[in-house]
């Protein structure tokens, strides 16, 4: 994978339209993306591959709705957890971070400043599942000084989209794309 920060990589308005469209629905057919971005389907495919190779598109996934999944599977628990370590040397921070990201229940892991050392977003089946995770991740290693867990009672918003620069709407968006654009 190319490192976009060490190369002369640039994106244009069509790339921004494409990234925005993919953030909305990455399963759109190439023809729909082409029409939306004003280019041909082969151009969309080439641009998507280029954006993936540059690391701008990390991966394409399905986003599950936790409340509906919990209704089917029975239960579901989301926790936002603040972690303070006893020792904050770089090797200790990296060691905890590696353990946290290796846990499947940890959906997000942030090393933060001014406050706790880490903030985690954790998804567990139930309180017993969370307790087992807490035992493995926070207790067994011995370097965790403080844990503050906040359990979600309702999710008001979840949007994995990243804000992109405003791009003016394409002119002639209702016209088919020109060949080879």
C-alpha atoms as a PDB file:
ATOM      1  CA  UNK A   1       0.000   0.000   0.000  1.00  0.00           C
ATOM      2  CA  UNK A   2       1.335   3.434  -0.896  1.00  0.00           C
ATOM      3  CA  UNK A   3       1.784   6.030   1.802  1.00  0.00           C
ATOM      4  CA  UNK A   4      -0.143   9.051   0.527  1.00  0.00           C
ATOM      5  CA  UNK A   5       1.727  11.376   2.855  1.00  0.00           C
ATOM      6  CA  UNK A   6       5.096  10.669   1.267  1.00  0.00           C
ATOM      7  CA  UNK A   7       3.985  10.817  -2.382  1.00  0.00           C
ATOM      8  CA  UNK A   8       2.498  13.444  -4.624  1.00  0.00           C
ATOM      9  CA  UNK A   9      -0.993  12.006  -4.327  1.00  0.00           C
ATOM     10  CA  UNK A  10      -3.939  14.295  -4.975  1.00  0.00           C
ATOM     11  CA  UNK A  11      -7.663  13.949  -5.352  1.00  0.00           C
ATOM     12  CA  UNK A  12     -10.098  15.981  -7.408  1.00  0.00           C
ATOM     13  CA  UNK A  13     -13.818  16.825  -7.163  1.00  0.00           C
ATOM     14  CA  UNK A  14     -14.800  13.520  -8.804  1.00  0.00           C
ATOM     15  CA  UNK A  15     -12.764  11.606  -6.228  1.00  0.00           C
ATOM     16  CA  UNK A  16     -14.509  13.569  -3.453  1.00  0.00           C
ATOM     17  CA  UNK A  17     -17.928  12.788  -4.991  1.00  0.00           C
ATOM     18  CA  UNK A  18     -16.916   9.136  -5.216  1.00  0.00           C
ATOM     19  CA  UNK A  19     -15.671   9.012  -1.606  1.00  0.00           C
ATOM     20  CA  UNK A  20     -18.876  10.672  -0.421  1.00  0.00           C
ATOM     21  CA  UNK A  21     -21.018   8.212  -2.391  1.00  0.00           C
ATOM     22  CA  UNK A  22     -19.068   5.229  -1.058  1.00  0.00           C
ATOM     23  CA  UNK A  23     -19.398   6.468   2.532  1.00  0.00           C
ATOM     24  CA  UNK A  24     -23.162   6.556   2.022  1.00  0.00           C
ATOM     25  CA  UNK A  25     -23.414   3.092   0.432  1.00  0.00           C
ATOM     26  CA  UNK A  26     -20.329   1.145  -0.616  1.00  0.00           C
ATOM     27  CA  UNK A  27     -22.524  -1.571  -2.171  1.00  0.00           C
ATOM     28  CA  UNK A  28     -23.816   0.701  -4.952  1.00  0.00           C
ATOM     29  CA  UNK A  29     -23.380  -0.772  -8.422  1.00  0.00           C
ATOM     30  CA  UNK A  30     -20.605   0.751 -10.537  1.00  0.00           C
ATOM     31  CA  UNK A  31     -23.165   2.195 -12.954  1.00  0.00           C
ATOM     32  CA  UNK A  32     -24.939   4.052 -10.125  1.00  0.00           C
ATOM     33  CA  UNK A  33     -21.632   5.407  -8.824  1.00  0.00           C
ATOM     34  CA  UNK A  34     -20.649   6.406 -12.360  1.00  0.00           C
ATOM     35  CA  UNK A  35     -23.888   8.313 -12.885  1.00  0.00           C
ATOM     36  CA  UNK A  36     -23.569  10.010  -9.511  1.00  0.00           C
ATOM     37  CA  UNK A  37     -19.942  11.031 -10.140  1.00  0.00           C
ATOM     38  CA  UNK A  38     -20.259  11.900 -13.819  1.00  0.00           C
ATOM     39  CA  UNK A  39     -17.757   9.355 -15.114  1.00  0.00           C
ATOM     40  CA  UNK A  40     -17.892   5.956 -16.797  1.00  0.00           C
ATOM     41  CA  UNK A  41     -18.116   2.701 -14.815  1.00  0.00           C
ATOM     42  CA  UNK A  42     -14.547   1.654 -15.773  1.00  0.00           C
ATOM     43  CA  UNK A  43     -13.317   5.055 -14.554  1.00  0.00           C
ATOM     44  CA  UNK A  44     -15.114   4.559 -11.240  1.00  0.00           C
ATOM     45  CA  UNK A  45     -13.481   1.153 -10.836  1.00  0.00           C
ATOM     46  CA  UNK A  46     -10.042   2.579 -11.681  1.00  0.00           C
ATOM     47  CA  UNK A  47     -10.501   5.488  -9.258  1.00  0.00           C
ATOM     48  CA  UNK A  48     -11.755   3.220  -6.436  1.00  0.00           C
ATOM     49  CA  UNK A  49      -8.753   0.935  -6.888  1.00  0.00           C
ATOM     50  CA  UNK A  50      -6.430   3.972  -6.860  1.00  0.00           C
ATOM     51  CA  UNK A  51      -8.048   5.336  -3.672  1.00  0.00           C
ATOM     52  CA  UNK A  52      -7.786   1.896  -2.035  1.00  0.00           C
ATOM     53  CA  UNK A  53      -4.142   1.518  -3.047  1.00  0.00           C
ATOM     54  CA  UNK A  54      -3.401   4.965  -1.584  1.00  0.00           C
ATOM     55  CA  UNK A  55      -5.008   3.931   1.696  1.00  0.00           C
ATOM     56  CA  UNK A  56      -7.797   6.521   1.571  1.00  0.00           C
ATOM     57  CA  UNK A  57     -10.359   3.712   1.455  1.00  0.00           C
ATOM     58  CA  UNK A  58      -9.356   1.445   4.302  1.00  0.00           C
ATOM     59  CA  UNK A  59     -12.050  -1.192   3.722  1.00  0.00           C
ATOM     60  CA  UNK A  60     -15.701  -1.609   2.773  1.00  0.00           C
ATOM     61  CA  UNK A  61     -17.969  -3.178   5.390  1.00  0.00           C
ATOM     62  CA  UNK A  62     -21.603  -3.754   6.310  1.00  0.00           C
ATOM     63  CA  UNK A  63     -22.744  -1.723   9.303  1.00  0.00           C
ATOM     64  CA  UNK A  64     -25.027  -3.720  11.557  1.00  0.00           C
ATOM     65  CA  UNK A  65     -27.835  -2.143  13.588  1.00  0.00           C
ATOM     66  CA  UNK A  66     -27.083  -3.156  17.195  1.00  0.00           C
ATOM     67  CA  UNK A  67     -30.590  -2.757  18.615  1.00  0.00           C
ATOM     68  CA  UNK A  68     -32.145  -4.951  15.917  1.00  0.00           C
ATOM     69  CA  UNK A  69     -29.351  -7.492  16.224  1.00  0.00           C
ATOM     70  CA  UNK A  70     -29.817  -7.541  19.993  1.00  0.00           C
ATOM     71  CA  UNK A  71     -33.545  -8.160  19.499  1.00  0.00           C
ATOM     72  CA  UNK A  72     -32.707 -11.209  17.364  1.00  0.00           C
ATOM     73  CA  UNK A  73     -29.809 -12.535  19.461  1.00  0.00           C
ATOM     74  CA  UNK A  74     -31.101 -11.405  22.840  1.00  0.00           C
ATOM     75  CA  UNK A  75     -29.293  -8.613  24.680  1.00  0.00           C
ATOM     76  CA  UNK A  76     -26.451  -6.364  23.632  1.00  0.00           C
ATOM     77  CA  UNK A  77     -24.347  -3.900  25.564  1.00  0.00           C
ATOM     78  CA  UNK A  78     -22.240  -0.937  24.475  1.00  0.00           C
ATOM     79  CA  UNK A  79     -19.768   0.628  26.889  1.00  0.00           C
ATOM     80  CA  UNK A  80     -17.500   3.642  26.585  1.00  0.00           C
ATOM     81  CA  UNK A  81     -14.546   2.902  28.848  1.00  0.00           C
ATOM     82  CA  UNK A  82     -11.848   5.258  30.124  1.00  0.00           C
ATOM     83  CA  UNK A  83      -8.573   3.575  31.039  1.00  0.00           C
ATOM     84  CA  UNK A  84      -5.776   5.066  33.138  1.00  0.00           C
ATOM     85  CA  UNK A  85      -2.506   3.158  33.285  1.00  0.00           C
ATOM     86  CA  UNK A  86      -0.211   2.942  36.298  1.00  0.00           C
ATOM     87  CA  UNK A  87       2.913   3.340  34.131  1.00  0.00           C
ATOM     88  CA  UNK A  88       2.666   5.559  31.024  1.00  0.00           C
ATOM     89  CA  UNK A  89       6.002   4.887  29.358  1.00  0.00           C
ATOM     90  CA  UNK A  90       5.747   4.379  25.612  1.00  0.00           C
ATOM     91  CA  UNK A  91       6.342   0.630  25.904  1.00  0.00           C
ATOM     92  CA  UNK A  92       3.489   0.346  28.458  1.00  0.00           C
ATOM     93  CA  UNK A  93       1.123   2.416  26.309  1.00  0.00           C
ATOM     94  CA  UNK A  94       1.951   0.340  23.227  1.00  0.00           C
ATOM     95  CA  UNK A  95       1.536  -2.925  25.152  1.00  0.00           C
ATOM     96  CA  UNK A  96      -1.940  -1.993  26.418  1.00  0.00           C
ATOM     97  CA  UNK A  97      -2.946  -0.653  23.008  1.00  0.00           C
ATOM     98  CA  UNK A  98      -1.888  -3.926  21.340  1.00  0.00           C
ATOM     99  CA  UNK A  99      -3.946  -5.963  23.829  1.00  0.00           C
ATOM    100  CA  UNK A 100      -6.975  -3.688  23.392  1.00  0.00           C
ATOM    101  CA  UNK A 101      -7.000  -3.768  19.589  1.00  0.00           C
ATOM    102  CA  UNK A 102      -6.603  -7.560  19.640  1.00  0.00           C
ATOM    103  CA  UNK A 103      -9.884  -7.923  21.587  1.00  0.00           C
ATOM    104  CA  UNK A 104     -12.810  -8.508  19.192  1.00  0.00           C
ATOM    105  CA  UNK A 105     -15.231  -6.756  21.588  1.00  0.00           C
ATOM    106  CA  UNK A 106     -13.212  -3.526  21.392  1.00  0.00           C
ATOM    107  CA  UNK A 107     -14.727  -1.668  18.461  1.00  0.00           C
ATOM    108  CA  UNK A 108     -12.687   1.503  18.832  1.00  0.00           C
ATOM    109  CA  UNK A 109      -9.517   2.330  20.736  1.00  0.00           C
ATOM    110  CA  UNK A 110      -8.194   5.852  21.187  1.00  0.00           C
ATOM    111  CA  UNK A 111      -5.031   6.936  22.956  1.00  0.00           C
ATOM    112  CA  UNK A 112      -5.990  10.321  24.368  1.00  0.00           C
ATOM    113  CA  UNK A 113      -4.393  13.209  26.207  1.00  0.00           C
ATOM    114  CA  UNK A 114      -5.508  15.298  29.147  1.00  0.00           C
ATOM    115  CA  UNK A 115      -7.432  12.748  31.144  1.00  0.00           C
ATOM    116  CA  UNK A 116      -7.381   8.984  30.815  1.00  0.00           C
ATOM    117  CA  UNK A 117      -4.705   7.286  28.741  1.00  0.00           C
ATOM    118  CA  UNK A 118      -7.219   5.422  26.547  1.00  0.00           C
ATOM    119  CA  UNK A 119     -10.886   5.560  25.635  1.00  0.00           C
ATOM    120  CA  UNK A 120     -12.447   2.357  24.309  1.00  0.00           C
ATOM    121  CA  UNK A 121     -15.806   1.644  22.722  1.00  0.00           C
ATOM    122  CA  UNK A 122     -16.765  -1.897  23.634  1.00  0.00           C
ATOM    123  CA  UNK A 123     -19.610  -4.105  22.378  1.00  0.00           C
ATOM    124  CA  UNK A 124     -20.531  -7.062  24.577  1.00  0.00           C
ATOM    125  CA  UNK A 125     -23.380  -9.565  24.558  1.00  0.00           C
ATOM    126  CA  UNK A 126     -24.308  -8.852  28.167  1.00  0.00           C
ATOM    127  CA  UNK A 127     -22.838  -7.798  31.520  1.00  0.00           C
ATOM    128  CA  UNK A 128     -21.211 -11.203  32.076  1.00  0.00           C
ATOM    129  CA  UNK A 129     -19.473 -10.902  28.697  1.00  0.00           C
ATOM    130  CA  UNK A 130     -18.298  -7.375  29.589  1.00  0.00           C
ATOM    131  CA  UNK A 131     -17.051  -8.605  32.974  1.00  0.00           C
ATOM    132  CA  UNK A 132     -14.998 -11.376  31.291  1.00  0.00           C
ATOM    133  CA  UNK A 133     -13.487  -8.780  28.918  1.00  0.00           C
ATOM    134  CA  UNK A 134     -12.710  -6.464  31.851  1.00  0.00           C
ATOM    135  CA  UNK A 135     -10.991  -9.308  33.678  1.00  0.00           C
ATOM    136  CA  UNK A 136      -8.830 -10.180  30.648  1.00  0.00           C
ATOM    137  CA  UNK A 137      -8.019  -6.667  29.521  1.00  0.00           C
ATOM    138  CA  UNK A 138      -8.019  -4.529  32.675  1.00  0.00           C
ATOM    139  CA  UNK A 139      -7.115  -6.867  35.537  1.00  0.00           C
ATOM    140  CA  UNK A 140      -4.823  -9.674  34.348  1.00  0.00           C
ATOM    141  CA  UNK A 141      -2.016  -7.477  33.011  1.00  0.00           C
ATOM    142  CA  UNK A 142      -1.575  -5.456  36.207  1.00  0.00           C
ATOM    143  CA  UNK A 143      -0.778  -2.035  34.680  1.00  0.00           C
ATOM    144  CA  UNK A 144      -4.330  -0.650  34.647  1.00  0.00           C
ATOM    145  CA  UNK A 145      -4.775   1.877  37.460  1.00  0.00           C
ATOM    146  CA  UNK A 146      -8.270   3.184  36.745  1.00  0.00           C
ATOM    147  CA  UNK A 147     -11.309   2.040  34.758  1.00  0.00           C
ATOM    148  CA  UNK A 148     -14.434   4.136  34.273  1.00  0.00           C
ATOM    149  CA  UNK A 149     -17.165   2.456  32.248  1.00  0.00           C
ATOM    150  CA  UNK A 150     -20.220   4.242  30.891  1.00  0.00           C
ATOM    151  CA  UNK A 151     -22.958   1.915  29.643  1.00  0.00           C
ATOM    152  CA  UNK A 152     -25.125   3.143  26.801  1.00  0.00           C
ATOM    153  CA  UNK A 153     -28.860   3.165  27.399  1.00  0.00           C
ATOM    154  CA  UNK A 154     -29.697   4.593  23.976  1.00  0.00           C
ATOM    155  CA  UNK A 155     -27.750   5.387  20.829  1.00  0.00           C
ATOM    156  CA  UNK A 156     -28.908   8.708  19.404  1.00  0.00           C
ATOM    157  CA  UNK A 157     -26.461   8.883  16.511  1.00  0.00           C
ATOM    158  CA  UNK A 158     -23.850   6.718  14.886  1.00  0.00           C
ATOM    159  CA  UNK A 159     -22.252   7.786  11.625  1.00  0.00           C
ATOM    160  CA  UNK A 160     -18.899   6.421  10.474  1.00  0.00           C
ATOM    161  CA  UNK A 161     -18.726   8.971   7.630  1.00  0.00           C
ATOM    162  CA  UNK A 162     -15.809  11.405   7.660  1.00  0.00           C
ATOM    163  CA  UNK A 163     -16.587  15.001   6.734  1.00  0.00           C
ATOM    164  CA  UNK A 164     -15.255  15.878   3.297  1.00  0.00           C
ATOM    165  CA  UNK A 165     -14.691  19.329   1.782  1.00  0.00           C
ATOM    166  CA  UNK A 166     -17.849  20.740   0.248  1.00  0.00           C
ATOM    167  CA  UNK A 167     -17.942  20.000  -3.449  1.00  0.00           C
ATOM    168  CA  UNK A 168     -20.344  21.874  -5.710  1.00  0.00           C
ATOM    169  CA  UNK A 169     -23.013  19.657  -7.273  1.00  0.00           C
ATOM    170  CA  UNK A 170     -22.106  18.343 -10.692  1.00  0.00           C
ATOM    171  CA  UNK A 171     -23.690  20.057 -13.664  1.00  0.00           C
ATOM    172  CA  UNK A 172     -25.712  17.763 -15.860  1.00  0.00           C
ATOM    173  CA  UNK A 173     -25.994  15.067 -13.192  1.00  0.00           C
ATOM    174  CA  UNK A 174     -29.041  13.736 -15.009  1.00  0.00           C
ATOM    175  CA  UNK A 175     -27.069  13.110 -18.229  1.00  0.00           C
ATOM    176  CA  UNK A 176     -25.256   9.824 -18.840  1.00  0.00           C
ATOM    177  CA  UNK A 177     -21.469  10.045 -18.394  1.00  0.00           C
ATOM    178  CA  UNK A 178     -19.312  10.608 -21.406  1.00  0.00           C
ATOM    179  CA  UNK A 179     -17.291   7.619 -22.518  1.00  0.00           C
ATOM    180  CA  UNK A 180     -13.730   7.494 -21.180  1.00  0.00           C
ATOM    181  CA  UNK A 181     -14.154  10.284 -18.618  1.00  0.00           C
END
